[in-house]
């Protein structure tokens, strides 16, 4: 297993273990799924953040590479990059809302 994969697996395991107690309700609510709501919420938030982070990193790297190859297109590249990153961030926020909904905050 590569070092990157091991780090990712460790981070996801830590997120899974920490999120359930942090998002767990005080008692069993009516219609609860037996305590797995917190795990689902943690996974929703974690995967949304992971996907958005990877996408934004790749977008930023590609934009910098494009600007390095063609400095005259800096304005156009930055505009498209910022719009794309805003859309990626909105998807992460949707994941946060789903996670909070699963945990019973809303």
Protein backbone atom coordinates (compact mmCIF):
# COMPACT_ATOMS: atom_id res chain seq x y z
CA UNK A 1 0.00 0.00 0.00
CA UNK A 2 1.36 3.38 -0.90
CA UNK A 3 2.00 6.04 1.68
CA UNK A 4 -0.76 8.25 0.22
CA UNK A 5 -3.34 5.46 0.39
CA UNK A 6 -2.35 4.59 3.94
CA UNK A 7 -2.71 8.23 5.00
CA UNK A 8 -6.12 8.46 3.35
CA UNK A 9 -7.31 5.25 5.01
CA UNK A 10 -6.07 6.49 8.40
CA UNK A 11 -7.83 9.83 8.00
CA UNK A 12 -11.10 8.21 6.97
CA UNK A 13 -10.94 5.77 9.90
CA UNK A 14 -10.27 8.60 12.33
CA UNK A 15 -13.17 10.59 10.88
CA UNK A 16 -15.46 7.60 11.21
CA UNK A 17 -14.50 7.01 14.84
CA UNK A 18 -14.69 10.65 15.90
CA UNK A 19 -17.83 11.72 14.05
CA UNK A 20 -20.25 9.18 15.51
CA UNK A 21 -19.91 10.27 19.16
CA UNK A 22 -19.79 13.93 18.19
CA UNK A 23 -23.01 13.78 16.18
CA UNK A 24 -24.87 11.19 18.25
CA UNK A 25 -28.16 12.16 19.87
CA UNK A 26 -28.63 12.03 23.62
CA UNK A 27 -31.13 9.17 23.48
CA UNK A 28 -32.86 6.94 21.02
CA UNK A 29 -35.30 9.00 19.00
CA UNK A 30 -38.43 7.57 17.44
CA UNK A 31 -37.63 6.08 14.06
CA UNK A 32 -33.90 5.99 14.74
CA UNK A 33 -31.72 3.52 12.88
CA UNK A 34 -30.07 2.16 16.02
CA UNK A 35 -27.21 4.64 16.34
CA UNK A 36 -25.93 4.45 12.78
CA UNK A 37 -27.17 7.94 11.96
CA UNK A 38 -23.96 9.47 13.27
CA UNK A 39 -21.85 7.13 11.16
CA UNK A 40 -23.84 8.02 8.05
CA UNK A 41 -23.56 11.71 8.85
CA UNK A 42 -19.82 11.44 9.34
CA UNK A 43 -19.37 9.58 6.09
CA UNK A 44 -21.53 12.09 4.20
CA UNK A 45 -19.58 15.05 5.52
CA UNK A 46 -16.20 13.35 5.17
CA UNK A 47 -16.71 12.10 1.64
CA UNK A 48 -18.11 15.44 0.51
CA UNK A 49 -15.10 17.25 1.95
CA UNK A 50 -12.70 14.69 0.49
CA UNK A 51 -14.21 14.94 -2.99
CA UNK A 52 -14.30 18.73 -2.93
CA UNK A 53 -10.73 18.94 -1.65
CA UNK A 54 -9.38 16.60 -4.30
CA UNK A 55 -11.31 18.38 -7.04
CA UNK A 56 -10.20 21.82 -5.92
CA UNK A 57 -6.59 20.72 -5.67
CA UNK A 58 -6.64 19.26 -9.13
CA UNK A 59 -8.39 22.34 -10.53
CA UNK A 60 -5.84 24.67 -8.95
CA UNK A 61 -2.92 22.62 -10.22
CA UNK A 62 -4.33 22.49 -13.75
CA UNK A 63 -5.02 26.23 -13.73
CA UNK A 64 -1.46 27.01 -12.63
CA UNK A 65 -0.11 24.72 -15.32
CA UNK A 66 -2.29 26.43 -17.93
CA UNK A 67 -1.18 29.88 -16.79
CA UNK A 68 2.46 28.80 -16.89
CA UNK A 69 2.04 27.60 -20.47
CA UNK A 70 0.04 30.62 -21.64
CA UNK A 71 0.40 33.69 -19.39
CA UNK A 72 -1.80 35.81 -21.67
CA UNK A 73 -4.84 33.68 -20.75
CA UNK A 74 -4.48 34.29 -17.01
CA UNK A 75 -7.73 36.24 -16.64
CA UNK A 76 -9.86 33.71 -18.49
CA UNK A 77 -8.30 30.75 -16.69
CA UNK A 78 -8.73 32.33 -13.24
CA UNK A 79 -12.37 33.21 -13.91
CA UNK A 80 -13.26 29.68 -14.96
CA UNK A 81 -11.22 28.23 -12.09
CA UNK A 82 -12.98 30.35 -9.46
CA UNK A 83 -16.43 29.49 -10.81
CA UNK A 84 -15.54 25.79 -10.84
CA UNK A 85 -14.18 25.91 -7.30
CA UNK A 86 -17.31 27.69 -6.08
CA UNK A 87 -19.45 24.92 -7.56
CA UNK A 88 -17.26 22.26 -5.93
CA UNK A 89 -17.54 24.02 -2.59
CA UNK A 90 -21.33 24.12 -2.95
CA UNK A 91 -21.31 20.33 -3.35
CA UNK A 92 -19.31 20.05 -0.12
CA UNK A 93 -21.88 22.26 1.62
CA UNK A 94 -24.67 19.99 0.30
CA UNK A 95 -22.81 17.05 1.86
CA UNK A 96 -22.63 18.96 5.15
CA UNK A 97 -26.37 19.63 5.03
CA UNK A 98 -27.11 15.95 4.32
CA UNK A 99 -24.85 14.93 7.19
CA UNK A 100 -26.49 17.36 9.60
CA UNK A 101 -29.92 16.19 8.44
CA UNK A 102 -28.93 12.56 9.09
CA UNK A 103 -27.66 13.41 12.56
CA UNK A 104 -30.93 15.12 13.46
CA UNK A 105 -29.67 18.69 13.78
CA UNK A 106 -32.26 19.93 11.29
